[in-house]
Amino acid sequence: MKNNLIIKFFIFVALIILLSGCETTKSMQDDNSNLIQNLNQANDLGIDFMCYNMCKDTTKGMSLNQLDKFCKLQCPLK
């Protein structure tokens, strides 16, 4: 009887662990639409973000505001 109770407990815990990791497709669709919206906003800014990020990583000796303005000028979308 005690073994049966222990087995049921472990099955219950295993089900909780398995089901807590499940994600609904609706939330995944929301994430995808948010990602697409963010990409569209990035394109609206007219900045090549690969160039922009490399510029920010490699340029030294400027304040953050100066660095931001400089890299935006250096990396327009073509």
PDB file of N, CA and C in Angstrom:
ATOM      1  N   MET A   1       0.819  -1.185   0.000  1.00  0.00           N
ATOM      2  CA  MET A   1       0.000   0.000   0.000  1.00  0.00           C
ATOM      3  C   MET A   1       0.869   1.257   0.000  1.00  0.00           C
ATOM      4  N   LYS A   2       1.930   1.225   0.813  1.00  0.00           N
ATOM      5  CA  LYS A   2       2.819   2.376   0.888  1.00  0.00           C
ATOM      6  C   LYS A   2       3.572   2.578  -0.429  1.00  0.00           C
ATOM      7  N   ASN A   3       3.983   1.485  -1.057  1.00  0.00           N
ATOM      8  CA  ASN A   3       4.662   1.567  -2.350  1.00  0.00           C
ATOM      9  C   ASN A   3       3.734   2.141  -3.415  1.00  0.00           C
ATOM     10  N   ASN A   4       2.462   1.772  -3.372  1.00  0.00           N
ATOM     11  CA  ASN A   4       1.482   2.259  -4.330  1.00  0.00           C
ATOM     12  C   ASN A   4       1.314   3.776  -4.196  1.00  0.00           C
ATOM     13  N   LEU A   5       1.295   4.269  -2.972  1.00  0.00           N
ATOM     14  CA  LEU A   5       1.162   5.701  -2.718  1.00  0.00           C
ATOM     15  C   LEU A   5       2.394   6.462  -3.207  1.00  0.00           C
ATOM     16  N   ILE A   6       3.568   5.909  -2.999  1.00  0.00           N
ATOM     17  CA  ILE A   6       4.811   6.544  -3.456  1.00  0.00           C
ATOM     18  C   ILE A   6       4.850   6.602  -4.979  1.00  0.00           C
ATOM     19  N   ILE A   7       4.434   5.542  -5.634  1.00  0.00           N
ATOM     20  CA  ILE A   7       4.415   5.507  -7.097  1.00  0.00           C
ATOM     21  C   ILE A   7       3.442   6.554  -7.633  1.00  0.00           C
ATOM     22  N   LYS A   8       2.263   6.663  -7.045  1.00  0.00           N
ATOM     23  CA  LYS A   8       1.287   7.670  -7.474  1.00  0.00           C
ATOM     24  C   LYS A   8       1.834   9.085  -7.274  1.00  0.00           C
ATOM     25  N   PHE A   9       2.541   9.298  -6.179  1.00  0.00           N
ATOM     26  CA  PHE A   9       3.124  10.606  -5.917  1.00  0.00           C
ATOM     27  C   PHE A   9       4.152  10.978  -6.989  1.00  0.00           C
ATOM     28  N   PHE A  10       5.038  10.040  -7.329  1.00  0.00           N
ATOM     29  CA  PHE A  10       6.047  10.319  -8.353  1.00  0.00           C
ATOM     30  C   PHE A  10       5.424  10.521  -9.726  1.00  0.00           C
ATOM     31  N   ILE A  11       4.375   9.788 -10.036  1.00  0.00           N
ATOM     32  CA  ILE A  11       3.666   9.994 -11.310  1.00  0.00           C
ATOM     33  C   ILE A  11       3.036  11.380 -11.331  1.00  0.00           C
ATOM     34  N   PHE A  12       2.441  11.784 -10.221  1.00  0.00           N
ATOM     35  CA  PHE A  12       1.831  13.109 -10.117  1.00  0.00           C
ATOM     36  C   PHE A  12       2.874  14.204 -10.313  1.00  0.00           C
ATOM     37  N   VAL A  13       4.028  14.077  -9.664  1.00  0.00           N
ATOM     38  CA  VAL A  13       5.098  15.063  -9.799  1.00  0.00           C
ATOM     39  C   VAL A  13       5.614  15.086 -11.241  1.00  0.00           C
ATOM     40  N   ALA A  14       5.769  13.919 -11.862  1.00  0.00           N
ATOM     41  CA  ALA A  14       6.245  13.858 -13.240  1.00  0.00           C
ATOM     42  C   ALA A  14       5.263  14.541 -14.189  1.00  0.00           C
ATOM     43  N   LEU A  15       3.966  14.346 -13.970  1.00  0.00           N
ATOM     44  CA  LEU A  15       2.966  15.003 -14.809  1.00  0.00           C
ATOM     45  C   LEU A  15       3.004  16.519 -14.643  1.00  0.00           C
ATOM     46  N   ILE A  16       3.178  16.986 -13.434  1.00  0.00           N
ATOM     47  CA  ILE A  16       3.267  18.430 -13.196  1.00  0.00           C
ATOM     48  C   ILE A  16       4.471  19.009 -13.935  1.00  0.00           C
ATOM     49  N   ILE A  17       5.605  18.328 -13.852  1.00  0.00           N
ATOM     50  CA  ILE A  17       6.819  18.812 -14.521  1.00  0.00           C
ATOM     51  C   ILE A  17       6.629  18.823 -16.032  1.00  0.00           C
ATOM     52  N   LEU A  18       6.057  17.758 -16.572  1.00  0.00           N
ATOM     53  CA  LEU A  18       5.860  17.684 -18.017  1.00  0.00           C
ATOM     54  C   LEU A  18       4.867  18.725 -18.515  1.00  0.00           C
ATOM     55  N   LEU A  19       3.769  18.893 -17.805  1.00  0.00           N
ATOM     56  CA  LEU A  19       2.738  19.818 -18.250  1.00  0.00           C
ATOM     57  C   LEU A  19       3.109  21.273 -18.017  1.00  0.00           C
ATOM     58  N   SER A  20       3.960  21.549 -17.061  1.00  0.00           N
ATOM     59  CA  SER A  20       4.356  22.940 -16.820  1.00  0.00           C
ATOM     60  C   SER A  20       5.277  23.449 -17.927  1.00  0.00           C
ATOM     61  N   GLY A  21       5.924  22.567 -18.647  1.00  0.00           N
ATOM     62  CA  GLY A  21       6.805  22.960 -19.737  1.00  0.00           C
ATOM     63  C   GLY A  21       6.087  23.165 -21.048  1.00  0.00           C
ATOM     64  N   CYS A  22       4.816  22.861 -21.123  1.00  0.00           N
ATOM     65  CA  CYS A  22       4.060  23.004 -22.359  1.00  0.00           C
ATOM     66  C   CYS A  22       3.733  24.469 -22.614  1.00  0.00           C
ATOM     67  N   GLU A  23       3.793  24.853 -23.880  1.00  0.00           N
ATOM     68  CA  GLU A  23       3.458  26.222 -24.259  1.00  0.00           C
ATOM     69  C   GLU A  23       2.383  26.144 -25.333  1.00  0.00           C
ATOM     70  N   THR A  24       1.405  26.993 -25.226  1.00  0.00           N
ATOM     71  CA  THR A  24       0.320  26.965 -26.202  1.00  0.00           C
ATOM     72  C   THR A  24       0.783  27.612 -27.500  1.00  0.00           C
ATOM     73  N   THR A  25       0.148  27.219 -28.587  1.00  0.00           N
ATOM     74  CA  THR A  25       0.514  27.782 -29.880  1.00  0.00           C
ATOM     75  C   THR A  25       0.084  29.229 -29.982  1.00  0.00           C
ATOM     76  N   LYS A  26      -0.930  29.640 -29.231  1.00  0.00           N
ATOM     77  CA  LYS A  26      -1.372  31.026 -29.274  1.00  0.00           C
ATOM     78  C   LYS A  26      -0.281  31.956 -28.771  1.00  0.00           C
ATOM     79  N   SER A  27       0.370  31.620 -27.667  1.00  0.00           N
ATOM     80  CA  SER A  27       1.428  32.490 -27.164  1.00  0.00           C
ATOM     81  C   SER A  27       2.621  32.493 -28.115  1.00  0.00           C
ATOM     82  N   MET A  28       2.899  31.378 -28.773  1.00  0.00           N
ATOM     83  CA  MET A  28       3.974  31.338 -29.750  1.00  0.00           C
ATOM     84  C   MET A  28       3.631  32.219 -30.947  1.00  0.00           C
ATOM     85  N   GLN A  29       2.365  32.229 -31.363  1.00  0.00           N
ATOM     86  CA  GLN A  29       1.945  33.086 -32.467  1.00  0.00           C
ATOM     87  C   GLN A  29       2.060  34.546 -32.073  1.00  0.00           C
ATOM     88  N   ASP A  30       1.726  34.877 -30.831  1.00  0.00           N
ATOM     89  CA  ASP A  30       1.871  36.248 -30.354  1.00  0.00           C
ATOM     90  C   ASP A  30       3.336  36.670 -30.384  1.00  0.00           C
ATOM     91  N   ASP A  31       4.237  35.774 -29.972  1.00  0.00           N
ATOM     92  CA  ASP A  31       5.661  36.076 -30.002  1.00  0.00           C
ATOM     93  C   ASP A  31       6.125  36.329 -31.430  1.00  0.00           C
ATOM     94  N   ASN A  32       5.645  35.501 -32.378  1.00  0.00           N
ATOM     95  CA  ASN A  32       6.033  35.670 -33.775  1.00  0.00           C
ATOM     96  C   ASN A  32       5.523  36.995 -34.329  1.00  0.00           C
ATOM     97  N   SER A  33       4.291  37.367 -34.000  1.00  0.00           N
ATOM     98  CA  SER A  33       3.761  38.627 -34.511  1.00  0.00           C
ATOM     99  C   SER A  33       4.505  39.808 -33.889  1.00  0.00           C
ATOM    100  N   ASN A  34       4.900  39.699 -32.620  1.00  0.00           N
ATOM    101  CA  ASN A  34       5.689  40.758 -31.989  1.00  0.00           C
ATOM    102  C   ASN A  34       7.051  40.885 -32.642  1.00  0.00           C
ATOM    103  N   LEU A  35       7.664  39.756 -32.995  1.00  0.00           N
ATOM    104  CA  LEU A  35       8.966  39.773 -33.650  1.00  0.00           C
ATOM    105  C   LEU A  35       8.862  40.436 -35.015  1.00  0.00           C
ATOM    106  N   ILE A  36       7.831  40.089 -35.771  1.00  0.00           N
ATOM    107  CA  ILE A  36       7.632  40.688 -37.089  1.00  0.00           C
ATOM    108  C   ILE A  36       7.386  42.186 -36.963  1.00  0.00           C
ATOM    109  N   GLN A  37       6.597  42.579 -35.961  1.00  0.00           N
ATOM    110  CA  GLN A  37       6.332  44.000 -35.741  1.00  0.00           C
ATOM    111  C   GLN A  37       7.630  44.735 -35.394  1.00  0.00           C
ATOM    112  N   ASN A  38       8.469  44.136 -34.558  1.00  0.00           N
ATOM    113  CA  ASN A  38       9.737  44.764 -34.194  1.00  0.00           C
ATOM    114  C   ASN A  38      10.661  44.893 -35.407  1.00  0.00           C
ATOM    115  N   LEU A  39      10.667  43.886 -36.287  1.00  0.00           N
ATOM    116  CA  LEU A  39      11.485  43.965 -37.489  1.00  0.00           C
ATOM    117  C   LEU A  39      10.993  45.068 -38.411  1.00  0.00           C
ATOM    118  N   ASN A  40       9.679  45.213 -38.524  1.00  0.00           N
ATOM    119  CA  ASN A  40       9.129  46.285 -39.357  1.00  0.00           C
ATOM    120  C   ASN A  40       9.500  47.651 -38.794  1.00  0.00           C
ATOM    121  N   GLN A  41       9.457  47.797 -37.475  1.00  0.00           N
ATOM    122  CA  GLN A  41       9.847  49.064 -36.864  1.00  0.00           C
ATOM    123  C   GLN A  41      11.325  49.346 -37.090  1.00  0.00           C
ATOM    124  N   ALA A  42      12.150  48.312 -37.066  1.00  0.00           N
ATOM    125  CA  ALA A  42      13.576  48.488 -37.313  1.00  0.00           C
ATOM    126  C   ALA A  42      13.810  48.941 -38.742  1.00  0.00           C
ATOM    127  N   ASN A  43      13.069  48.391 -39.686  1.00  0.00           N
ATOM    128  CA  ASN A  43      13.214  48.814 -41.078  1.00  0.00           C
ATOM    129  C   ASN A  43      12.735  50.241 -41.266  1.00  0.00           C
ATOM    130  N   ASP A  44      11.724  50.657 -40.521  1.00  0.00           N
ATOM    131  CA  ASP A  44      11.227  52.023 -40.617  1.00  0.00           C
ATOM    132  C   ASP A  44      12.268  53.031 -40.159  1.00  0.00           C
ATOM    133  N   LEU A  45      13.163  52.626 -39.263  1.00  0.00           N
ATOM    134  CA  LEU A  45      14.205  53.531 -38.791  1.00  0.00           C
ATOM    135  C   LEU A  45      15.277  53.767 -39.846  1.00  0.00           C
ATOM    136  N   GLY A  46      15.380  52.876 -40.820  1.00  0.00           N
ATOM    137  CA  GLY A  46      16.356  53.045 -41.895  1.00  0.00           C
ATOM    138  C   GLY A  46      17.781  52.759 -41.474  1.00  0.00           C
ATOM    139  N   ILE A  47      17.963  51.827 -40.538  1.00  0.00           N
ATOM    140  CA  ILE A  47      19.293  51.506 -40.027  1.00  0.00           C
ATOM    141  C   ILE A  47      19.618  50.050 -40.326  1.00  0.00           C
ATOM    142  N   ASP A  48      20.831  49.815 -40.796  1.00  0.00           N
ATOM    143  CA  ASP A  48      21.342  48.453 -40.947  1.00  0.00           C
ATOM    144  C   ASP A  48      21.850  48.023 -39.577  1.00  0.00           C
ATOM    145  N   PHE A  49      21.069  47.186 -38.888  1.00  0.00           N
ATOM    146  CA  PHE A  49      21.380  46.882 -37.497  1.00  0.00           C
ATOM    147  C   PHE A  49      22.603  46.001 -37.317  1.00  0.00           C
ATOM    148  N   MET A  50      22.970  45.229 -38.332  1.00  0.00           N
ATOM    149  CA  MET A  50      24.208  44.448 -38.208  1.00  0.00           C
ATOM    150  C   MET A  50      25.392  45.412 -38.161  1.00  0.00           C
ATOM    151  N   CYS A  51      25.387  46.376 -39.071  1.00  0.00           N
ATOM    152  CA  CYS A  51      26.432  47.398 -39.087  1.00  0.00           C
ATOM    153  C   CYS A  51      26.387  48.232 -37.809  1.00  0.00           C
ATOM    154  N   TYR A  52      25.200  48.624 -37.399  1.00  0.00           N
ATOM    155  CA  TYR A  52      25.012  49.466 -36.212  1.00  0.00           C
ATOM    156  C   TYR A  52      25.564  48.793 -34.961  1.00  0.00           C
ATOM    157  N   ASN A  53      25.243  47.515 -34.776  1.00  0.00           N
ATOM    158  CA  ASN A  53      25.726  46.789 -33.596  1.00  0.00           C
ATOM    159  C   ASN A  53      27.240  46.615 -33.626  1.00  0.00           C
ATOM    160  N   MET A  54      27.795  46.331 -34.820  1.00  0.00           N
ATOM    161  CA  MET A  54      29.256  46.211 -34.919  1.00  0.00           C
ATOM    162  C   MET A  54      29.922  47.553 -34.631  1.00  0.00           C
ATOM    163  N   CYS A  55      29.320  48.627 -35.126  1.00  0.00           N
ATOM    164  CA  CYS A  55      29.854  49.964 -34.879  1.00  0.00           C
ATOM    165  C   CYS A  55      29.873  50.274 -33.385  1.00  0.00           C
ATOM    166  N   LYS A  56      28.773  49.977 -32.702  1.00  0.00           N
ATOM    167  CA  LYS A  56      28.700  50.259 -31.266  1.00  0.00           C
ATOM    168  C   LYS A  56      29.688  49.403 -30.470  1.00  0.00           C
ATOM    169  N   ASP A  57      29.915  48.179 -30.934  1.00  0.00           N
ATOM    170  CA  ASP A  57      30.834  47.283 -30.223  1.00  0.00           C
ATOM    171  C   ASP A  57      32.295  47.689 -30.404  1.00  0.00           C
ATOM    172  N   THR A  58      32.640  48.243 -31.562  1.00  0.00           N
ATOM    173  CA  THR A  58      34.053  48.462 -31.861  1.00  0.00           C
ATOM    174  C   THR A  58      34.517  49.902 -31.658  1.00  0.00           C
ATOM    175  N   THR A  59      33.589  50.865 -31.644  1.00  0.00           N
ATOM    176  CA  THR A  59      33.985  52.268 -31.521  1.00  0.00           C
ATOM    177  C   THR A  59      34.181  52.618 -30.046  1.00  0.00           C
ATOM    178  N   LYS A  60      35.304  53.234 -29.746  1.00  0.00           N
ATOM    179  CA  LYS A  60      35.644  53.597 -28.368  1.00  0.00           C
ATOM    180  C   LYS A  60      35.880  55.099 -28.279  1.00  0.00           C
ATOM    181  N   GLY A  61      35.780  55.643 -27.081  1.00  0.00           N
ATOM    182  CA  GLY A  61      36.142  57.023 -26.833  1.00  0.00           C
ATOM    183  C   GLY A  61      35.030  58.032 -27.005  1.00  0.00           C
ATOM    184  N   MET A  62      33.780  57.575 -27.105  1.00  0.00           N
ATOM    185  CA  MET A  62      32.655  58.496 -27.247  1.00  0.00           C
ATOM    186  C   MET A  62      31.651  58.236 -26.127  1.00  0.00           C
ATOM    187  N   SER A  63      30.854  59.251 -25.847  1.00  0.00           N
ATOM    188  CA  SER A  63      29.764  59.030 -24.902  1.00  0.00           C
ATOM    189  C   SER A  63      28.700  58.175 -25.593  1.00  0.00           C
ATOM    190  N   LEU A  64      27.781  57.628 -24.838  1.00  0.00           N
ATOM    191  CA  LEU A  64      26.745  56.765 -25.423  1.00  0.00           C
ATOM    192  C   LEU A  64      25.890  57.521 -26.433  1.00  0.00           C
ATOM    193  N   ASN A  65      25.572  58.765 -26.127  1.00  0.00           N
ATOM    194  CA  ASN A  65      24.746  59.562 -27.026  1.00  0.00           C
ATOM    195  C   ASN A  65      25.503  59.857 -28.328  1.00  0.00           C
ATOM    196  N   GLN A  66      26.766  60.225 -28.221  1.00  0.00           N
ATOM    197  CA  GLN A  66      27.578  60.481 -29.409  1.00  0.00           C
ATOM    198  C   GLN A  66      27.756  59.210 -30.230  1.00  0.00           C
ATOM    199  N   LEU A  67      27.992  58.102 -29.556  1.00  0.00           N
ATOM    200  CA  LEU A  67      28.173  56.824 -30.232  1.00  0.00           C
ATOM    201  C   LEU A  67      26.914  56.424 -30.985  1.00  0.00           C
ATOM    202  N   ASP A  68      25.766  56.620 -30.369  1.00  0.00           N
ATOM    203  CA  ASP A  68      24.494  56.287 -31.005  1.00  0.00           C
ATOM    204  C   ASP A  68      24.305  57.111 -32.277  1.00  0.00           C
ATOM    205  N   LYS A  69      24.518  58.416 -32.197  1.00  0.00           N
ATOM    206  CA  LYS A  69      24.352  59.293 -33.372  1.00  0.00           C
ATOM    207  C   LYS A  69      25.356  58.941 -34.460  1.00  0.00           C
ATOM    208  N   PHE A  70      26.616  58.708 -34.081  1.00  0.00           N
ATOM    209  CA  PHE A  70      27.656  58.377 -35.050  1.00  0.00           C
ATOM    210  C   PHE A  70      27.328  57.086 -35.801  1.00  0.00           C
ATOM    211  N   CYS A  71      26.931  56.057 -35.061  1.00  0.00           N
ATOM    212  CA  CYS A  71      26.672  54.764 -35.701  1.00  0.00           C
ATOM    213  C   CYS A  71      25.415  54.811 -36.577  1.00  0.00           C
ATOM    214  N   LYS A  72      24.422  55.610 -36.190  1.00  0.00           N
ATOM    215  CA  LYS A  72      23.246  55.756 -37.050  1.00  0.00           C
ATOM    216  C   LYS A  72      23.607  56.434 -38.362  1.00  0.00           C
ATOM    217  N   LEU A  73      24.512  57.399 -38.301  1.00  0.00           N
ATOM    218  CA  LEU A  73      24.956  58.061 -39.537  1.00  0.00           C
ATOM    219  C   LEU A  73      25.803  57.143 -40.402  1.00  0.00           C
ATOM    220  N   GLN A  74      26.583  56.266 -39.782  1.00  0.00           N
ATOM    221  CA  GLN A  74      27.473  55.387 -40.527  1.00  0.00           C
ATOM    222  C   GLN A  74      26.776  54.180 -41.144  1.00  0.00           C
ATOM    223  N   CYS A  75      25.583  53.843 -40.654  1.00  0.00           N
ATOM    224  CA  CYS A  75      24.949  52.580 -41.047  1.00  0.00           C
ATOM    225  C   CYS A  75      23.523  52.750 -41.577  1.00  0.00           C
ATOM    226  N   PRO A  76      23.333  53.536 -42.633  1.00  0.00           N
ATOM    227  CA  PRO A  76      21.972  53.636 -43.182  1.00  0.00           C
ATOM    228  C   PRO A  76      21.630  52.376 -43.984  1.00  0.00           C
ATOM    229  N   LEU A  77      20.336  52.099 -44.123  1.00  0.00           N
ATOM    230  CA  LEU A  77      19.912  51.005 -44.989  1.00  0.00           C
ATOM    231  C   LEU A  77      20.185  51.425 -46.430  1.00  0.00           C
ATOM    232  N   LYS A  78      20.626  50.487 -47.219  1.00  0.00           N
ATOM    233  CA  LYS A  78      20.955  50.804 -48.623  1.00  0.00           C
ATOM    234  C   LYS A  78      19.776  50.593 -49.516  1.00  0.00           C
TER     235      LYS A  78
END
